[in-house]
PDB file of N, CA and C in Angstrom:
ATOM      1  N   UNK A   1      57.847  35.231-103.526  1.00  0.00           N
ATOM      2  CA  UNK A   1      57.826  36.400-102.704  1.00  0.00           C
ATOM      3  C   UNK A   1      58.019  35.798-101.236  1.00  0.00           C
ATOM      4  N   UNK A   2      58.695  36.537-100.472  1.00  0.00           N
ATOM      5  CA  UNK A   2      59.102  35.952 -99.023  1.00  0.00           C
ATOM      6  C   UNK A   2      57.730  36.177 -98.226  1.00  0.00           C
ATOM      7  N   UNK A   3      56.805  36.989 -98.456  1.00  0.00           N
ATOM      8  CA  UNK A   3      55.565  37.119 -97.644  1.00  0.00           C
ATOM      9  C   UNK A   3      54.349  36.089 -97.850  1.00  0.00           C
ATOM     10  N   UNK A   4      54.644  35.330 -98.989  1.00  0.00           N
ATOM     11  CA  UNK A   4      53.573  34.280 -99.308  1.00  0.00           C
ATOM     12  C   UNK A   4      53.695  33.164 -98.417  1.00  0.00           C
ATOM     13  N   UNK A   5      52.568  32.655 -97.952  1.00  0.00           N
ATOM     14  CA  UNK A   5      52.593  31.447 -97.160  1.00  0.00           C
ATOM     15  C   UNK A   5      52.902  30.367 -98.052  1.00  0.00           C
ATOM     16  N   UNK A   6      53.357  29.290 -97.396  1.00  0.00           N
ATOM     17  CA  UNK A   6      53.608  28.001 -98.257  1.00  0.00           C
ATOM     18  C   UNK A   6      52.351  27.305 -98.536  1.00  0.00           C
ATOM     19  N   UNK A   7      52.342  26.476 -99.516  1.00  0.00           N
ATOM     20  CA  UNK A   7      51.182  25.653 -99.819  1.00  0.00           C
ATOM     21  C   UNK A   7      50.753  24.747 -98.702  1.00  0.00           C
ATOM     22  N   UNK A   8      51.776  24.319 -98.056  1.00  0.00           N
ATOM     23  CA  UNK A   8      51.450  23.230 -96.802  1.00  0.00           C
ATOM     24  C   UNK A   8      50.570  24.025 -95.699  1.00  0.00           C
ATOM     25  N   UNK A   9      51.204  25.219 -95.643  1.00  0.00           N
ATOM     26  CA  UNK A   9      50.465  26.022 -94.297  1.00  0.00           C
ATOM     27  C   UNK A   9      49.129  26.523 -94.814  1.00  0.00           C
ATOM     28  N   UNK A  10      49.007  26.716 -96.014  1.00  0.00           N
ATOM     29  CA  UNK A  10      47.717  27.116 -96.546  1.00  0.00           C
ATOM     30  C   UNK A  10      46.722  25.966 -96.610  1.00  0.00           C
ATOM     31  N   UNK A  11      47.296  24.801 -96.892  1.00  0.00           N
ATOM     32  CA  UNK A  11      46.462  23.547 -97.056  1.00  0.00           C
ATOM     33  C   UNK A  11      46.160  23.384 -95.447  1.00  0.00           C
ATOM     34  N   UNK A  12      46.789  23.374 -94.589  1.00  0.00           N
ATOM     35  CA  UNK A  12      46.477  23.182 -93.004  1.00  0.00           C
ATOM     36  C   UNK A  12      45.391  24.239 -92.582  1.00  0.00           C
ATOM     37  N   UNK A  13      45.469  25.446 -92.923  1.00  0.00           N
ATOM     38  CA  UNK A  13      44.647  26.430 -92.648  1.00  0.00           C
ATOM     39  C   UNK A  13      43.275  26.219 -93.179  1.00  0.00           C
ATOM     40  N   UNK A  14      43.144  25.798 -94.539  1.00  0.00           N
ATOM     41  CA  UNK A  14      41.838  25.577 -95.158  1.00  0.00           C
ATOM     42  C   UNK A  14      41.140  24.329 -94.541  1.00  0.00           C
ATOM     43  N   UNK A  15      42.191  23.286 -94.409  1.00  0.00           N
ATOM     44  CA  UNK A  15      41.430  22.122 -93.945  1.00  0.00           C
ATOM     45  C   UNK A  15      40.899  22.139 -92.339  1.00  0.00           C
ATOM     46  N   UNK A  16      41.576  22.952 -91.756  1.00  0.00           N
ATOM     47  CA  UNK A  16      41.171  23.396 -90.267  1.00  0.00           C
ATOM     48  C   UNK A  16      39.716  24.226 -90.433  1.00  0.00           C
ATOM     49  N   UNK A  17      39.764  25.124 -91.405  1.00  0.00           N
ATOM     50  CA  UNK A  17      38.628  25.901 -91.502  1.00  0.00           C
ATOM     51  C   UNK A  17      37.377  25.210 -92.033  1.00  0.00           C
ATOM     52  N   UNK A  18      37.489  24.285 -92.980  1.00  0.00           N
ATOM     53  CA  UNK A  18      36.392  23.243 -93.387  1.00  0.00           C
ATOM     54  C   UNK A  18      36.024  22.425 -92.283  1.00  0.00           C
ATOM     55  N   UNK A  19      37.038  21.881 -91.565  1.00  0.00           N
ATOM     56  CA  UNK A  19      36.599  20.852 -90.470  1.00  0.00           C
ATOM     57  C   UNK A  19      35.775  21.738 -89.426  1.00  0.00           C
ATOM     58  N   UNK A  20      36.147  23.089 -89.154  1.00  0.00           N
ATOM     59  CA  UNK A  20      35.300  23.840 -88.140  1.00  0.00           C
ATOM     60  C   UNK A  20      33.967  24.169 -88.704  1.00  0.00           C
ATOM     61  N   UNK A  21      33.834  24.298 -90.010  1.00  0.00           N
ATOM     62  CA  UNK A  21      32.493  24.603 -90.624  1.00  0.00           C
ATOM     63  C   UNK A  21      31.737  23.437 -90.764  1.00  0.00           C
ATOM     64  N   UNK A  22      32.176  22.206 -90.851  1.00  0.00           N
ATOM     65  CA  UNK A  22      31.515  21.124 -90.984  1.00  0.00           C
ATOM     66  C   UNK A  22      30.905  20.734 -89.613  1.00  0.00           C
ATOM     67  N   UNK A  23      31.890  20.853 -88.642  1.00  0.00           N
ATOM     68  CA  UNK A  23      31.540  20.663 -87.173  1.00  0.00           C
ATOM     69  C   UNK A  23      30.215  21.615 -86.823  1.00  0.00           C
ATOM     70  N   UNK A  24      30.343  22.736 -87.224  1.00  0.00           N
ATOM     71  CA  UNK A  24      29.155  23.771 -86.943  1.00  0.00           C
ATOM     72  C   UNK A  24      27.965  23.284 -87.661  1.00  0.00           C
ATOM     73  N   UNK A  25      28.042  22.956 -88.803  1.00  0.00           N
ATOM     74  CA  UNK A  25      26.866  22.436 -89.766  1.00  0.00           C
ATOM     75  C   UNK A  25      26.248  21.229 -88.879  1.00  0.00           C
ATOM     76  N   UNK A  26      26.946  20.346 -88.526  1.00  0.00           N
ATOM     77  CA  UNK A  26      26.558  19.036 -87.946  1.00  0.00           C
ATOM     78  C   UNK A  26      25.817  19.355 -86.590  1.00  0.00           C
ATOM     79  N   UNK A  27      26.246  20.355 -85.898  1.00  0.00           N
ATOM     80  CA  UNK A  27      25.761  20.732 -84.559  1.00  0.00           C
ATOM     81  C   UNK A  27      24.404  21.542 -84.969  1.00  0.00           C
ATOM     82  N   UNK A  28      24.352  22.430 -85.882  1.00  0.00           N
ATOM     83  CA  UNK A  28      23.103  22.937 -86.232  1.00  0.00           C
ATOM     84  C   UNK A  28      21.985  21.993 -86.644  1.00  0.00           C
ATOM     85  N   UNK A  29      22.501  20.991 -87.593  1.00  0.00           N
ATOM     86  CA  UNK A  29      21.438  19.982 -88.082  1.00  0.00           C
ATOM     87  C   UNK A  29      20.909  19.094 -86.725  1.00  0.00           C
ATOM     88  N   UNK A  30      21.879  18.971 -85.880  1.00  0.00           N
ATOM     89  CA  UNK A  30      21.281  18.156 -84.696  1.00  0.00           C
ATOM     90  C   UNK A  30      20.345  18.950 -83.876  1.00  0.00           C
ATOM     91  N   UNK A  31      20.691  20.210 -83.692  1.00  0.00           N
ATOM     92  CA  UNK A  31      19.809  20.875 -82.845  1.00  0.00           C
ATOM     93  C   UNK A  31      18.392  21.379 -83.805  1.00  0.00           C
ATOM     94  N   UNK A  32      18.541  21.259 -85.005  1.00  0.00           N
ATOM     95  CA  UNK A  32      17.373  21.708 -85.869  1.00  0.00           C
ATOM     96  C   UNK A  32      16.464  20.283 -85.767  1.00  0.00           C
ATOM     97  N   UNK A  33      17.004  19.320 -85.617  1.00  0.00           N
ATOM     98  CA  UNK A  33      16.127  18.005 -85.546  1.00  0.00           C
ATOM     99  C   UNK A  33      15.521  17.952 -84.130  1.00  0.00           C
ATOM    100  N   UNK A  34      16.370  18.400 -83.064  1.00  0.00           N
ATOM    101  CA  UNK A  34      15.742  18.358 -81.804  1.00  0.00           C
ATOM    102  C   UNK A  34      14.520  19.466 -81.632  1.00  0.00           C
ATOM    103  N   UNK A  35      14.826  20.627 -82.313  1.00  0.00           N
ATOM    104  CA  UNK A  35      13.733  21.666 -82.357  1.00  0.00           C
ATOM    105  C   UNK A  35      12.634  21.294 -83.078  1.00  0.00           C
ATOM    106  N   UNK A  36      12.706  20.528 -83.941  1.00  0.00           N
ATOM    107  CA  UNK A  36      11.589  20.123 -84.841  1.00  0.00           C
ATOM    108  C   UNK A  36      10.783  19.108 -84.231  1.00  0.00           C
ATOM    109  N   UNK A  37      11.387  18.208 -83.437  1.00  0.00           N
ATOM    110  CA  UNK A  37      10.743  17.054 -82.695  1.00  0.00           C
ATOM    111  C   UNK A  37       9.996  17.950 -81.558  1.00  0.00           C
ATOM    112  N   UNK A  38      10.492  18.826 -80.981  1.00  0.00           N
ATOM    113  CA  UNK A  38       9.799  19.645 -79.820  1.00  0.00           C
ATOM    114  C   UNK A  38       8.657  20.397 -80.361  1.00  0.00           C
ATOM    115  N   UNK A  39       8.784  21.038 -81.530  1.00  0.00           N
ATOM    116  CA  UNK A  39       7.702  21.769 -82.054  1.00  0.00           C
ATOM    117  C   UNK A  39       6.664  20.809 -82.457  1.00  0.00           C
ATOM    118  N   UNK A  40       7.005  19.634 -83.012  1.00  0.00           N
ATOM    119  CA  UNK A  40       6.025  18.578 -83.248  1.00  0.00           C
ATOM    120  C   UNK A  40       5.135  18.080 -82.044  1.00  0.00           C
ATOM    121  N   UNK A  41       5.990  17.871 -80.860  1.00  0.00           N
ATOM    122  CA  UNK A  41       5.379  17.381 -79.735  1.00  0.00           C
ATOM    123  C   UNK A  41       4.678  18.499 -79.128  1.00  0.00           C
ATOM    124  N   UNK A  42       5.035  19.765 -79.314  1.00  0.00           N
ATOM    125  CA  UNK A  42       4.254  20.806 -78.644  1.00  0.00           C
ATOM    126  C   UNK A  42       2.784  21.036 -79.375  1.00  0.00           C
ATOM    127  N   UNK A  43       2.691  20.831 -80.714  1.00  0.00           N
ATOM    128  CA  UNK A  43       1.773  20.928 -81.471  1.00  0.00           C
ATOM    129  C   UNK A  43       0.701  19.774 -81.162  1.00  0.00           C
ATOM    130  N   UNK A  44       1.276  18.603 -80.796  1.00  0.00           N
ATOM    131  CA  UNK A  44       0.582  17.251 -80.378  1.00  0.00           C
ATOM    132  C   UNK A  44      -0.038  17.532 -79.000  1.00  0.00           C
ATOM    133  N   UNK A  45       0.646  18.264 -78.185  1.00  0.00           N
ATOM    134  CA  UNK A  45       0.143  18.423 -76.702  1.00  0.00           C
ATOM    135  C   UNK A  45      -0.921  19.536 -76.828  1.00  0.00           C
ATOM    136  N   UNK A  46      -0.808  20.583 -77.682  1.00  0.00           N
ATOM    137  CA  UNK A  46      -2.017  21.624 -77.890  1.00  0.00           C
ATOM    138  C   UNK A  46      -3.137  20.816 -78.348  1.00  0.00           C
ATOM    139  N   UNK A  47      -2.908  19.969 -79.483  1.00  0.00           N
ATOM    140  CA  UNK A  47      -4.204  19.448 -79.953  1.00  0.00           C
ATOM    141  C   UNK A  47      -4.811  18.356 -79.028  1.00  0.00           C
ATOM    142  N   UNK A  48      -4.063  17.878 -78.301  1.00  0.00           N
ATOM    143  CA  UNK A  48      -4.582  16.894 -77.169  1.00  0.00           C
ATOM    144  C   UNK A  48      -5.328  17.566 -76.261  1.00  0.00           C
ATOM    145  N   UNK A  49      -4.910  18.729 -75.696  1.00  0.00           N
ATOM    146  CA  UNK A  49      -5.503  19.617 -74.666  1.00  0.00           C
ATOM    147  C   UNK A  49      -6.870  20.152 -75.248  1.00  0.00           C
ATOM    148  N   UNK A  50      -6.925  20.484 -76.589  1.00  0.00           N
ATOM    149  CA  UNK A  50      -8.248  20.952 -77.104  1.00  0.00           C
ATOM    150  C   UNK A  50      -9.057  20.139 -77.502  1.00  0.00           C
ATOM    151  N   UNK A  51      -8.756  18.900 -77.691  1.00  0.00           N
ATOM    152  CA  UNK A  51      -9.615  17.793 -78.393  1.00  0.00           C
ATOM    153  C   UNK A  51     -10.205  16.893 -77.178  1.00  0.00           C
ATOM    154  N   UNK A  52     -10.042  17.450 -75.855  1.00  0.00           N
ATOM    155  CA  UNK A  52     -10.659  16.506 -74.721  1.00  0.00           C
ATOM    156  C   UNK A  52     -12.140  17.148 -74.664  1.00  0.00           C
ATOM    157  N   UNK A  53     -13.131  16.245 -74.171  1.00  0.00           N
ATOM    158  CA  UNK A  53     -14.414  16.832 -74.033  1.00  0.00           C
ATOM    159  C   UNK A  53     -14.581  17.672 -72.971  1.00  0.00           C
ATOM    160  N   UNK A  54     -13.869  17.540 -71.882  1.00  0.00           N
ATOM    161  CA  UNK A  54     -13.988  18.568 -70.763  1.00  0.00           C
ATOM    162  C   UNK A  54     -12.796  19.269 -70.433  1.00  0.00           C
ATOM    163  N   UNK A  55     -12.740  20.566 -69.882  1.00  0.00           N
ATOM    164  CA  UNK A  55     -11.711  21.270 -69.609  1.00  0.00           C
ATOM    165  C   UNK A  55     -11.350  21.225 -68.124  1.00  0.00           C
ATOM    166  N   UNK A  56     -10.224  20.669 -67.937  1.00  0.00           N
ATOM    167  CA  UNK A  56      -9.721  20.695 -66.562  1.00  0.00           C
ATOM    168  C   UNK A  56      -8.135  21.174 -66.350  1.00  0.00           C
ATOM    169  N   UNK A  57      -7.600  20.896 -65.301  1.00  0.00           N
ATOM    170  CA  UNK A  57      -6.230  21.428 -65.088  1.00  0.00           C
ATOM    171  C   UNK A  57      -5.341  20.680 -66.003  1.00  0.00           C
ATOM    172  N   UNK A  58      -5.442  19.409 -66.197  1.00  0.00           N
ATOM    173  CA  UNK A  58      -4.507  18.545 -66.931  1.00  0.00           C
ATOM    174  C   UNK A  58      -4.573  19.054 -68.352  1.00  0.00           C
ATOM    175  N   UNK A  59      -5.688  19.148 -68.920  1.00  0.00           N
ATOM    176  CA  UNK A  59      -5.788  19.652 -70.274  1.00  0.00           C
ATOM    177  C   UNK A  59      -5.326  21.009 -70.462  1.00  0.00           C
ATOM    178  N   UNK A  60      -5.487  21.873 -69.447  1.00  0.00           N
ATOM    179  CA  UNK A  60      -4.945  23.272 -69.539  1.00  0.00           C
ATOM    180  C   UNK A  60      -3.471  23.209 -69.364  1.00  0.00           C
ATOM    181  N   UNK A  61      -2.872  22.301 -68.584  1.00  0.00           N
ATOM    182  CA  UNK A  61      -1.458  22.054 -68.514  1.00  0.00           C
ATOM    183  C   UNK A  61      -0.773  21.610 -69.915  1.00  0.00           C
ATOM    184  N   UNK A  62      -1.677  20.664 -70.528  1.00  0.00           N
ATOM    185  CA  UNK A  62      -1.213  20.223 -71.843  1.00  0.00           C
ATOM    186  C   UNK A  62      -1.045  21.375 -72.738  1.00  0.00           C
ATOM    187  N   UNK A  63      -2.029  22.195 -72.836  1.00  0.00           N
ATOM    188  CA  UNK A  63      -2.034  23.377 -73.779  1.00  0.00           C
ATOM    189  C   UNK A  63      -0.920  24.303 -73.521  1.00  0.00           C
ATOM    190  N   UNK A  64      -0.746  24.647 -72.310  1.00  0.00           N
ATOM    191  CA  UNK A  64       0.363  25.625 -71.845  1.00  0.00           C
ATOM    192  C   UNK A  64       1.652  25.017 -72.087  1.00  0.00           C
ATOM    193  N   UNK A  65       1.840  23.662 -71.757  1.00  0.00           N
ATOM    194  CA  UNK A  65       3.277  22.960 -72.100  1.00  0.00           C
ATOM    195  C   UNK A  65       3.439  22.857 -73.507  1.00  0.00           C
ATOM    196  N   UNK A  66       2.370  22.650 -74.221  1.00  0.00           N
ATOM    197  CA  UNK A  66       2.513  22.622 -75.747  1.00  0.00           C
ATOM    198  C   UNK A  66       2.886  23.863 -76.485  1.00  0.00           C
ATOM    199  N   UNK A  67       2.248  25.036 -75.923  1.00  0.00           N
ATOM    200  CA  UNK A  67       2.612  26.263 -76.439  1.00  0.00           C
ATOM    201  C   UNK A  67       3.982  26.580 -76.069  1.00  0.00           C
ATOM    202  N   UNK A  68       4.406  26.416 -74.873  1.00  0.00           N
ATOM    203  CA  UNK A  68       5.878  26.720 -74.362  1.00  0.00           C
ATOM    204  C   UNK A  68       6.883  25.959 -75.366  1.00  0.00           C
ATOM    205  N   UNK A  69       6.413  24.556 -75.504  1.00  0.00           N
ATOM    206  CA  UNK A  69       7.423  23.651 -76.277  1.00  0.00           C
ATOM    207  C   UNK A  69       7.528  24.219 -77.739  1.00  0.00           C
ATOM    208  N   UNK A  70       6.505  24.755 -78.363  1.00  0.00           N
ATOM    209  CA  UNK A  70       6.538  25.202 -79.820  1.00  0.00           C
ATOM    210  C   UNK A  70       7.369  26.499 -79.591  1.00  0.00           C
ATOM    211  N   UNK A  71       7.125  27.322 -78.578  1.00  0.00           N
ATOM    212  CA  UNK A  71       7.755  28.529 -78.428  1.00  0.00           C
ATOM    213  C   UNK A  71       9.557  28.309 -78.456  1.00  0.00           C
ATOM    214  N   UNK A  72       9.829  27.365 -77.544  1.00  0.00           N
ATOM    215  CA  UNK A  72      11.253  26.923 -77.301  1.00  0.00           C
ATOM    216  C   UNK A  72      11.813  26.317 -78.591  1.00  0.00           C
ATOM    217  N   UNK A  73      11.051  25.727 -79.273  1.00  0.00           N
ATOM    218  CA  UNK A  73      11.547  24.995 -80.543  1.00  0.00           C
ATOM    219  C   UNK A  73      11.867  26.095 -81.630  1.00  0.00           C
ATOM    220  N   UNK A  74      11.052  27.117 -81.832  1.00  0.00           N
ATOM    221  CA  UNK A  74      11.091  28.183 -82.675  1.00  0.00           C
ATOM    222  C   UNK A  74      12.317  28.987 -82.267  1.00  0.00           C
ATOM    223  N   UNK A  75      12.389  29.224 -81.001  1.00  0.00           N
ATOM    224  CA  UNK A  75      13.636  30.086 -80.420  1.00  0.00           C
ATOM    225  C   UNK A  75      14.916  29.371 -80.635  1.00  0.00           C
ATOM    226  N   UNK A  76      14.850  27.863 -80.497  1.00  0.00           N
ATOM    227  CA  UNK A  76      16.071  27.284 -80.741  1.00  0.00           C
ATOM    228  C   UNK A  76      16.501  27.176 -82.354  1.00  0.00           C
ATOM    229  N   UNK A  77      15.579  27.081 -83.039  1.00  0.00           N
ATOM    230  CA  UNK A  77      15.820  27.318 -84.612  1.00  0.00           C
ATOM    231  C   UNK A  77      16.368  28.600 -84.887  1.00  0.00           C
ATOM    232  N   UNK A  78      15.789  29.606 -84.389  1.00  0.00           N
ATOM    233  CA  UNK A  78      16.276  30.805 -84.695  1.00  0.00           C
ATOM    234  C   UNK A  78      17.717  31.193 -83.996  1.00  0.00           C
ATOM    235  N   UNK A  79      17.860  30.700 -82.958  1.00  0.00           N
ATOM    236  CA  UNK A  79      19.293  30.874 -82.391  1.00  0.00           C
ATOM    237  C   UNK A  79      20.468  30.021 -82.980  1.00  0.00           C
ATOM    238  N   UNK A  80      20.041  28.877 -83.602  1.00  0.00           N
ATOM    239  CA  UNK A  80      21.044  28.140 -84.268  1.00  0.00           C
ATOM    240  C   UNK A  80      21.596  28.654 -85.585  1.00  0.00           C
ATOM    241  N   UNK A  81      20.474  29.015 -86.283  1.00  0.00           N
ATOM    242  CA  UNK A  81      20.583  29.524 -87.738  1.00  0.00           C
ATOM    243  C   UNK A  81      20.714  31.030 -88.011  1.00  0.00           C
ATOM    244  N   UNK A  82      20.349  31.864 -86.988  1.00  0.00           N
ATOM    245  CA  UNK A  82      20.645  33.168 -87.143  1.00  0.00           C
ATOM    246  C   UNK A  82      21.042  33.709 -85.723  1.00  0.00           C
ATOM    247  N   UNK A  83      22.136  33.381 -85.224  1.00  0.00           N
ATOM    248  CA  UNK A  83      22.524  33.631 -83.853  1.00  0.00           C
ATOM    249  C   UNK A  83      22.636  35.159 -83.583  1.00  0.00           C
ATOM    250  N   UNK A  84      22.976  36.076 -84.484  1.00  0.00           N
ATOM    251  CA  UNK A  84      23.146  37.502 -84.257  1.00  0.00           C
ATOM    252  C   UNK A  84      21.731  37.976 -83.940  1.00  0.00           C
ATOM    253  N   UNK A  85      20.734  37.696 -84.599  1.00  0.00           N
ATOM    254  CA  UNK A  85      19.348  38.150 -84.265  1.00  0.00           C
ATOM    255  C   UNK A  85      19.082  38.016 -83.009  1.00  0.00           C
ATOM    256  N   UNK A  86      19.198  36.822 -82.460  1.00  0.00           N
ATOM    257  CA  UNK A  86      18.630  36.421 -81.177  1.00  0.00           C
ATOM    258  C   UNK A  86      19.421  37.220 -80.105  1.00  0.00           C
ATOM    259  N   UNK A  87      20.881  37.126 -80.199  1.00  0.00           N
ATOM    260  CA  UNK A  87      21.589  37.821 -79.251  1.00  0.00           C
ATOM    261  C   UNK A  87      21.262  39.340 -79.254  1.00  0.00           C
ATOM    262  N   UNK A  88      21.021  40.016 -80.296  1.00  0.00           N
ATOM    263  CA  UNK A  88      20.751  41.407 -80.300  1.00  0.00           C
ATOM    264  C   UNK A  88      19.348  41.811 -79.721  1.00  0.00           C
ATOM    265  N   UNK A  89      18.550  40.879 -79.504  1.00  0.00           N
ATOM    266  CA  UNK A  89      17.255  41.339 -78.829  1.00  0.00           C
ATOM    267  C   UNK A  89      17.307  41.449 -77.425  1.00  0.00           C
TER     268      UNK A  89
END
């Protein structure tokens, strides 16, 4: 059939699509690791703020920064793996 594309063109298109998907997956995995490190550090800051014997400005800042870091980590995970859900909100 004259309307069929050749095997070489199809192979190029498939190879380009696979390369794009692998690139997207690598980016998602990188940002997932970054987000998990941020979440872990955020929980550490919150725990550090709550485990001190006295409550002062520094411990309060640790707790607030830790909560913000956990929130940003969760948001980054959601935006990388489910981008349509975050953009619609």
